[in-house]
Amino acid sequence: LMDEREALLEDCMLAFRRSAGLPAQLRQCAQGAEPRLAEVLSRLQDEGLIAPGAAGSLVPTQRGWLMGNEVFGAIWGLA
């Protein structure tokens, strides 16, 4: 069974499988449970895999779609 922290990280990871990306509210909640998420998301942005989207969300870039396993693995690695 997953604990709440792991479930939030899984939700974040799965959010990047959608074009809408990671909503700001989910990101904030997940960062409260796992503060290292902010560093991982910043690194993924620096690598050009995710970018700011609408209403404070983070969305996969074209490169992020092609290298989705890098995005998913970086987030799930925190769990």
PDB file of N, CA and C in Angstrom:
ATOM      1  N   LEU A   1       0.823  -1.194   0.000  1.00  0.00           N
ATOM      2  CA  LEU A   1       0.000   0.000   0.000  1.00  0.00           C
ATOM      3  C   LEU A   1       0.861   1.249   0.000  1.00  0.00           C
ATOM      4  N   MET A   2       0.368   2.265  -0.675  1.00  0.00           N
ATOM      5  CA  MET A   2       1.073   3.542  -0.703  1.00  0.00           C
ATOM      6  C   MET A   2       0.600   4.419   0.446  1.00  0.00           C
ATOM      7  N   ASP A   3       1.539   5.201   0.978  1.00  0.00           N
ATOM      8  CA  ASP A   3       1.132   6.196   1.964  1.00  0.00           C
ATOM      9  C   ASP A   3       0.714   7.469   1.211  1.00  0.00           C
ATOM     10  N   GLU A   4       0.271   8.457   1.955  1.00  0.00           N
ATOM     11  CA  GLU A   4      -0.236   9.688   1.333  1.00  0.00           C
ATOM     12  C   GLU A   4       0.835  10.375   0.475  1.00  0.00           C
ATOM     13  N   ARG A   5       2.062  10.423   0.972  1.00  0.00           N
ATOM     14  CA  ARG A   5       3.161  11.057   0.251  1.00  0.00           C
ATOM     15  C   ARG A   5       3.399  10.361  -1.088  1.00  0.00           C
ATOM     16  N   GLU A   6       3.456   9.045  -1.058  1.00  0.00           N
ATOM     17  CA  GLU A   6       3.671   8.288  -2.298  1.00  0.00           C
ATOM     18  C   GLU A   6       2.504   8.470  -3.266  1.00  0.00           C
ATOM     19  N   ALA A   7       1.286   8.503  -2.753  1.00  0.00           N
ATOM     20  CA  ALA A   7       0.116   8.702  -3.606  1.00  0.00           C
ATOM     21  C   ALA A   7       0.158  10.075  -4.272  1.00  0.00           C
ATOM     22  N   LEU A   8       0.572  11.092  -3.535  1.00  0.00           N
ATOM     23  CA  LEU A   8       0.685  12.438  -4.117  1.00  0.00           C
ATOM     24  C   LEU A   8       1.757  12.476  -5.206  1.00  0.00           C
ATOM     25  N   LEU A   9       2.889  11.825  -4.953  1.00  0.00           N
ATOM     26  CA  LEU A   9       3.952  11.785  -5.963  1.00  0.00           C
ATOM     27  C   LEU A   9       3.497  11.029  -7.205  1.00  0.00           C
ATOM     28  N   GLU A  10       2.750   9.949  -6.999  1.00  0.00           N
ATOM     29  CA  GLU A  10       2.228   9.221  -8.149  1.00  0.00           C
ATOM     30  C   GLU A  10       1.267  10.099  -8.947  1.00  0.00           C
ATOM     31  N   ASP A  11       0.403  10.852  -8.256  1.00  0.00           N
ATOM     32  CA  ASP A  11      -0.508  11.765  -8.944  1.00  0.00           C
ATOM     33  C   ASP A  11       0.265  12.805  -9.752  1.00  0.00           C
ATOM     34  N   CYS A  12       1.361  13.316  -9.187  1.00  0.00           N
ATOM     35  CA  CYS A  12       2.196  14.287  -9.908  1.00  0.00           C
ATOM     36  C   CYS A  12       2.811  13.656 -11.155  1.00  0.00           C
ATOM     37  N   MET A  13       3.350  12.477 -10.987  1.00  0.00           N
ATOM     38  CA  MET A  13       3.970  11.778 -12.109  1.00  0.00           C
ATOM     39  C   MET A  13       2.946  11.554 -13.215  1.00  0.00           C
ATOM     40  N   LEU A  14       1.785  11.059 -12.847  1.00  0.00           N
ATOM     41  CA  LEU A  14       0.755  10.764 -13.843  1.00  0.00           C
ATOM     42  C   LEU A  14       0.214  12.029 -14.503  1.00  0.00           C
ATOM     43  N   ALA A  15       0.256  13.157 -13.790  1.00  0.00           N
ATOM     44  CA  ALA A  15      -0.221  14.416 -14.365  1.00  0.00           C
ATOM     45  C   ALA A  15       0.578  14.795 -15.610  1.00  0.00           C
ATOM     46  N   PHE A  16       1.856  14.418 -15.651  1.00  0.00           N
ATOM     47  CA  PHE A  16       2.679  14.758 -16.819  1.00  0.00           C
ATOM     48  C   PHE A  16       2.414  13.843 -18.007  1.00  0.00           C
ATOM     49  N   ARG A  17       1.491  12.913 -17.868  1.00  0.00           N
ATOM     50  CA  ARG A  17       1.055  12.088 -18.990  1.00  0.00           C
ATOM     51  C   ARG A  17      -0.133  12.743 -19.701  1.00  0.00           C
ATOM     52  N   ARG A  18      -0.567  13.895 -19.188  1.00  0.00           N
ATOM     53  CA  ARG A  18      -1.694  14.635 -19.773  1.00  0.00           C
ATOM     54  C   ARG A  18      -1.200  15.983 -20.289  1.00  0.00           C
ATOM     55  N   SER A  19      -1.810  16.468 -21.320  1.00  0.00           N
ATOM     56  CA  SER A  19      -1.388  17.755 -21.879  1.00  0.00           C
ATOM     57  C   SER A  19      -1.637  18.904 -20.906  1.00  0.00           C
ATOM     58  N   ALA A  20      -2.609  18.758 -19.997  1.00  0.00           N
ATOM     59  CA  ALA A  20      -2.879  19.803 -19.004  1.00  0.00           C
ATOM     60  C   ALA A  20      -1.769  19.877 -17.964  1.00  0.00           C
ATOM     61  N   GLY A  21      -1.013  18.804 -17.809  1.00  0.00           N
ATOM     62  CA  GLY A  21       0.125  18.801 -16.905  1.00  0.00           C
ATOM     63  C   GLY A  21      -0.250  18.766 -15.433  1.00  0.00           C
ATOM     64  N   LEU A  22       0.655  19.288 -14.632  1.00  0.00           N
ATOM     65  CA  LEU A  22       0.538  19.258 -13.176  1.00  0.00           C
ATOM     66  C   LEU A  22      -0.114  20.551 -12.682  1.00  0.00           C
ATOM     67  N   PRO A  23      -1.333  20.468 -12.145  1.00  0.00           N
ATOM     68  CA  PRO A  23      -1.997  21.670 -11.640  1.00  0.00           C
ATOM     69  C   PRO A  23      -1.263  22.254 -10.436  1.00  0.00           C
ATOM     70  N   ALA A  24      -1.334  23.555 -10.293  1.00  0.00           N
ATOM     71  CA  ALA A  24      -0.655  24.247  -9.198  1.00  0.00           C
ATOM     72  C   ALA A  24      -1.095  23.721  -7.837  1.00  0.00           C
ATOM     73  N   GLN A  25      -2.376  23.454  -7.655  1.00  0.00           N
ATOM     74  CA  GLN A  25      -2.884  23.007  -6.358  1.00  0.00           C
ATOM     75  C   GLN A  25      -2.300  21.649  -5.977  1.00  0.00           C
ATOM     76  N   LEU A  26      -2.231  20.737  -6.930  1.00  0.00           N
ATOM     77  CA  LEU A  26      -1.646  19.423  -6.649  1.00  0.00           C
ATOM     78  C   LEU A  26      -0.160  19.564  -6.356  1.00  0.00           C
ATOM     79  N   ARG A  27       0.527  20.406  -7.118  1.00  0.00           N
ATOM     80  CA  ARG A  27       1.960  20.626  -6.888  1.00  0.00           C
ATOM     81  C   ARG A  27       2.210  21.144  -5.476  1.00  0.00           C
ATOM     82  N   GLN A  28       1.445  22.125  -5.052  1.00  0.00           N
ATOM     83  CA  GLN A  28       1.627  22.696  -3.716  1.00  0.00           C
ATOM     84  C   GLN A  28       1.362  21.665  -2.630  1.00  0.00           C
ATOM     85  N   CYS A  29       0.329  20.878  -2.801  1.00  0.00           N
ATOM     86  CA  CYS A  29       0.002  19.839  -1.816  1.00  0.00           C
ATOM     87  C   CYS A  29       1.123  18.797  -1.757  1.00  0.00           C
ATOM     88  N   ALA A  30       1.596  18.375  -2.910  1.00  0.00           N
ATOM     89  CA  ALA A  30       2.655  17.362  -2.964  1.00  0.00           C
ATOM     90  C   ALA A  30       3.963  17.898  -2.390  1.00  0.00           C
ATOM     91  N   GLN A  31       4.267  19.168  -2.646  1.00  0.00           N
ATOM     92  CA  GLN A  31       5.494  19.758  -2.100  1.00  0.00           C
ATOM     93  C   GLN A  31       5.418  19.866  -0.585  1.00  0.00           C
ATOM     94  N   GLY A  32       4.219  20.000  -0.052  1.00  0.00           N
ATOM     95  CA  GLY A  32       4.054  20.009   1.399  1.00  0.00           C
ATOM     96  C   GLY A  32       4.404  18.650   1.995  1.00  0.00           C
ATOM     97  N   ALA A  33       4.087  17.589   1.251  1.00  0.00           N
ATOM     98  CA  ALA A  33       4.376  16.236   1.716  1.00  0.00           C
ATOM     99  C   ALA A  33       5.803  15.803   1.382  1.00  0.00           C
ATOM    100  N   GLU A  34       6.357  16.358   0.305  1.00  0.00           N
ATOM    101  CA  GLU A  34       7.717  15.993  -0.131  1.00  0.00           C
ATOM    102  C   GLU A  34       8.414  17.242  -0.657  1.00  0.00           C
ATOM    103  N   PRO A  35       9.102  17.986   0.236  1.00  0.00           N
ATOM    104  CA  PRO A  35       9.743  19.248  -0.149  1.00  0.00           C
ATOM    105  C   PRO A  35      10.772  19.113  -1.281  1.00  0.00           C
ATOM    106  N   ARG A  36      11.391  17.942  -1.437  1.00  0.00           N
ATOM    107  CA  ARG A  36      12.380  17.773  -2.517  1.00  0.00           C
ATOM    108  C   ARG A  36      11.756  17.844  -3.902  1.00  0.00           C
ATOM    109  N   LEU A  37      10.425  17.747  -3.980  1.00  0.00           N
ATOM    110  CA  LEU A  37       9.753  17.822  -5.282  1.00  0.00           C
ATOM    111  C   LEU A  37      10.051  19.147  -5.971  1.00  0.00           C
ATOM    112  N   ALA A  38      10.116  20.227  -5.223  1.00  0.00           N
ATOM    113  CA  ALA A  38      10.389  21.540  -5.815  1.00  0.00           C
ATOM    114  C   ALA A  38      11.728  21.538  -6.551  1.00  0.00           C
ATOM    115  N   GLU A  39      12.742  20.914  -5.962  1.00  0.00           N
ATOM    116  CA  GLU A  39      14.062  20.839  -6.603  1.00  0.00           C
ATOM    117  C   GLU A  39      14.004  20.016  -7.880  1.00  0.00           C
ATOM    118  N   VAL A  40      13.291  18.909  -7.832  1.00  0.00           N
ATOM    119  CA  VAL A  40      13.178  18.036  -9.009  1.00  0.00           C
ATOM    120  C   VAL A  40      12.449  18.766 -10.137  1.00  0.00           C
ATOM    121  N   LEU A  41      11.361  19.445  -9.818  1.00  0.00           N
ATOM    122  CA  LEU A  41      10.618  20.175 -10.847  1.00  0.00           C
ATOM    123  C   LEU A  41      11.455  21.305 -11.439  1.00  0.00           C
ATOM    124  N   SER A  42      12.227  21.972 -10.603  1.00  0.00           N
ATOM    125  CA  SER A  42      13.111  23.034 -11.091  1.00  0.00           C
ATOM    126  C   SER A  42      14.162  22.466 -12.047  1.00  0.00           C
ATOM    127  N   ARG A  43      14.725  21.320 -11.697  1.00  0.00           N
ATOM    128  CA  ARG A  43      15.721  20.680 -12.568  1.00  0.00           C
ATOM    129  C   ARG A  43      15.097  20.255 -13.891  1.00  0.00           C
ATOM    130  N   LEU A  44      13.891  19.707 -13.839  1.00  0.00           N
ATOM    131  CA  LEU A  44      13.209  19.301 -15.068  1.00  0.00           C
ATOM    132  C   LEU A  44      12.917  20.510 -15.960  1.00  0.00           C
ATOM    133  N   GLN A  45      12.600  21.653 -15.348  1.00  0.00           N
ATOM    134  CA  GLN A  45      12.412  22.883 -16.123  1.00  0.00           C
ATOM    135  C   GLN A  45      13.735  23.318 -16.745  1.00  0.00           C
ATOM    136  N   ASP A  46      14.799  23.294 -15.958  1.00  0.00           N
ATOM    137  CA  ASP A  46      16.115  23.684 -16.468  1.00  0.00           C
ATOM    138  C   ASP A  46      16.549  22.799 -17.635  1.00  0.00           C
ATOM    139  N   GLU A  47      16.147  21.537 -17.599  1.00  0.00           N
ATOM    140  CA  GLU A  47      16.494  20.594 -18.669  1.00  0.00           C
ATOM    141  C   GLU A  47      15.555  20.696 -19.865  1.00  0.00           C
ATOM    142  N   GLY A  48      14.562  21.585 -19.778  1.00  0.00           N
ATOM    143  CA  GLY A  48      13.640  21.793 -20.896  1.00  0.00           C
ATOM    144  C   GLY A  48      12.622  20.683 -21.068  1.00  0.00           C
ATOM    145  N   LEU A  49      12.347  19.940 -19.991  1.00  0.00           N
ATOM    146  CA  LEU A  49      11.392  18.836 -20.086  1.00  0.00           C
ATOM    147  C   LEU A  49       9.983  19.242 -19.677  1.00  0.00           C
ATOM    148  N   ILE A  50       9.874  20.252 -18.831  1.00  0.00           N
ATOM    149  CA  ILE A  50       8.580  20.798 -18.438  1.00  0.00           C
ATOM    150  C   ILE A  50       8.674  22.317 -18.466  1.00  0.00           C
ATOM    151  N   ALA A  51       7.518  22.961 -18.562  1.00  0.00           N
ATOM    152  CA  ALA A  51       7.481  24.421 -18.646  1.00  0.00           C
ATOM    153  C   ALA A  51       6.206  24.926 -17.971  1.00  0.00           C
ATOM    154  N   PRO A  52       6.186  26.215 -17.598  1.00  0.00           N
ATOM    155  CA  PRO A  52       4.964  26.784 -17.032  1.00  0.00           C
ATOM    156  C   PRO A  52       3.822  26.718 -18.043  1.00  0.00           C
ATOM    157  N   GLY A  53       2.635  26.410 -17.523  1.00  0.00           N
ATOM    158  CA  GLY A  53       1.433  26.362 -18.349  1.00  0.00           C
ATOM    159  C   GLY A  53       0.404  27.338 -17.813  1.00  0.00           C
ATOM    160  N   ALA A  54      -0.845  27.084 -18.143  1.00  0.00           N
ATOM    161  CA  ALA A  54      -1.941  27.959 -17.731  1.00  0.00           C
ATOM    162  C   ALA A  54      -2.208  27.834 -16.238  1.00  0.00           C
ATOM    163  N   ALA A  55      -2.592  28.932 -15.632  1.00  0.00           N
ATOM    164  CA  ALA A  55      -3.034  28.983 -14.229  1.00  0.00           C
ATOM    165  C   ALA A  55      -2.031  28.369 -13.257  1.00  0.00           C
ATOM    166  N   GLY A  56      -0.741  28.558 -13.533  1.00  0.00           N
ATOM    167  CA  GLY A  56       0.281  28.089 -12.613  1.00  0.00           C
ATOM    168  C   GLY A  56       0.640  26.619 -12.733  1.00  0.00           C
ATOM    169  N   SER A  57       0.092  25.963 -13.739  1.00  0.00           N
ATOM    170  CA  SER A  57       0.421  24.545 -13.922  1.00  0.00           C
ATOM    171  C   SER A  57       1.821  24.397 -14.514  1.00  0.00           C
ATOM    172  N   LEU A  58       2.315  23.176 -14.502  1.00  0.00           N
ATOM    173  CA  LEU A  58       3.537  22.828 -15.216  1.00  0.00           C
ATOM    174  C   LEU A  58       3.155  21.772 -16.237  1.00  0.00           C
ATOM    175  N   VAL A  59       3.602  21.940 -17.468  1.00  0.00           N
ATOM    176  CA  VAL A  59       3.217  21.031 -18.549  1.00  0.00           C
ATOM    177  C   VAL A  59       4.456  20.456 -19.219  1.00  0.00           C
ATOM    178  N   PRO A  60       4.323  19.262 -19.801  1.00  0.00           N
ATOM    179  CA  PRO A  60       5.457  18.702 -20.528  1.00  0.00           C
ATOM    180  C   PRO A  60       5.728  19.508 -21.796  1.00  0.00           C
ATOM    181  N   THR A  61       6.982  19.703 -22.099  1.00  0.00           N
ATOM    182  CA  THR A  61       7.366  20.339 -23.359  1.00  0.00           C
ATOM    183  C   THR A  61       7.393  19.261 -24.449  1.00  0.00           C
ATOM    184  N   GLN A  62       7.654  19.659 -25.678  1.00  0.00           N
ATOM    185  CA  GLN A  62       7.795  18.669 -26.752  1.00  0.00           C
ATOM    186  C   GLN A  62       8.898  17.674 -26.388  1.00  0.00           C
ATOM    187  N   ARG A  63      10.006  18.194 -25.897  1.00  0.00           N
ATOM    188  CA  ARG A  63      11.109  17.325 -25.465  1.00  0.00           C
ATOM    189  C   ARG A  63      10.669  16.446 -24.300  1.00  0.00           C
ATOM    190  N   GLY A  64       9.866  17.001 -23.397  1.00  0.00           N
ATOM    191  CA  GLY A  64       9.358  16.250 -22.266  1.00  0.00           C
ATOM    192  C   GLY A  64       8.459  15.100 -22.682  1.00  0.00           C
ATOM    193  N   TRP A  65       7.675  15.313 -23.753  1.00  0.00           N
ATOM    194  CA  TRP A  65       6.849  14.217 -24.272  1.00  0.00           C
ATOM    195  C   TRP A  65       7.740  13.098 -24.801  1.00  0.00           C
ATOM    196  N   LEU A  66       8.776  13.486 -25.506  1.00  0.00           N
ATOM    197  CA  LEU A  66       9.659  12.482 -26.100  1.00  0.00           C
ATOM    198  C   LEU A  66      10.494  11.753 -25.055  1.00  0.00           C
ATOM    199  N   MET A  67      10.795  12.431 -23.963  1.00  0.00           N
ATOM    200  CA  MET A  67      11.624  11.854 -22.907  1.00  0.00           C
ATOM    201  C   MET A  67      10.820  11.693 -21.618  1.00  0.00           C
ATOM    202  N   GLY A  68       9.574  11.265 -21.772  1.00  0.00           N
ATOM    203  CA  GLY A  68       8.667  11.142 -20.640  1.00  0.00           C
ATOM    204  C   GLY A  68       9.214  10.294 -19.515  1.00  0.00           C
ATOM    205  N   ASN A  69       9.939   9.239 -19.846  1.00  0.00           N
ATOM    206  CA  ASN A  69      10.471   8.377 -18.788  1.00  0.00           C
ATOM    207  C   ASN A  69      11.427   9.134 -17.874  1.00  0.00           C
ATOM    208  N   GLU A  70      12.123  10.132 -18.399  1.00  0.00           N
ATOM    209  CA  GLU A  70      13.000  10.962 -17.567  1.00  0.00           C
ATOM    210  C   GLU A  70      12.171  11.762 -16.560  1.00  0.00           C
ATOM    211  N   VAL A  71      11.066  12.312 -17.037  1.00  0.00           N
ATOM    212  CA  VAL A  71      10.181  13.092 -16.164  1.00  0.00           C
ATOM    213  C   VAL A  71       9.572  12.182 -15.102  1.00  0.00           C
ATOM    214  N   PHE A  72       8.991  11.066 -15.552  1.00  0.00           N
ATOM    215  CA  PHE A  72       8.317  10.160 -14.626  1.00  0.00           C
ATOM    216  C   PHE A  72       9.300   9.601 -13.601  1.00  0.00           C
ATOM    217  N   GLY A  73      10.471   9.191 -14.065  1.00  0.00           N
ATOM    218  CA  GLY A  73      11.463   8.605 -13.174  1.00  0.00           C
ATOM    219  C   GLY A  73      11.982   9.578 -12.138  1.00  0.00           C
ATOM    220  N   ALA A  74      12.163  10.839 -12.535  1.00  0.00           N
ATOM    221  CA  ALA A  74      12.654  11.848 -11.591  1.00  0.00           C
ATOM    222  C   ALA A  74      11.671  12.067 -10.456  1.00  0.00           C
ATOM    223  N   ILE A  75      10.396  12.091 -10.788  1.00  0.00           N
ATOM    224  CA  ILE A  75       9.372  12.308  -9.757  1.00  0.00           C
ATOM    225  C   ILE A  75       9.172  11.045  -8.925  1.00  0.00           C
ATOM    226  N   TRP A  76       9.036   9.914  -9.579  1.00  0.00           N
ATOM    227  CA  TRP A  76       8.795   8.673  -8.842  1.00  0.00           C
ATOM    228  C   TRP A  76      10.013   8.283  -8.004  1.00  0.00           C
ATOM    229  N   GLY A  77      11.189   8.725  -8.406  1.00  0.00           N
ATOM    230  CA  GLY A  77      12.394   8.444  -7.628  1.00  0.00           C
ATOM    231  C   GLY A  77      12.340   9.028  -6.228  1.00  0.00           C
ATOM    232  N   LEU A  78      11.511  10.028  -6.009  1.00  0.00           N
ATOM    233  CA  LEU A  78      11.349  10.614  -4.683  1.00  0.00           C
ATOM    234  C   LEU A  78      10.557   9.705  -3.751  1.00  0.00           C
ATOM    235  N   ALA A  79       9.737   8.849  -4.339  1.00  0.00           N
ATOM    236  CA  ALA A  79       8.876   7.970  -3.531  1.00  0.00           C
ATOM    237  C   ALA A  79       9.712   6.882  -2.909  1.00  0.00           C
TER     238      ALA A  79
END
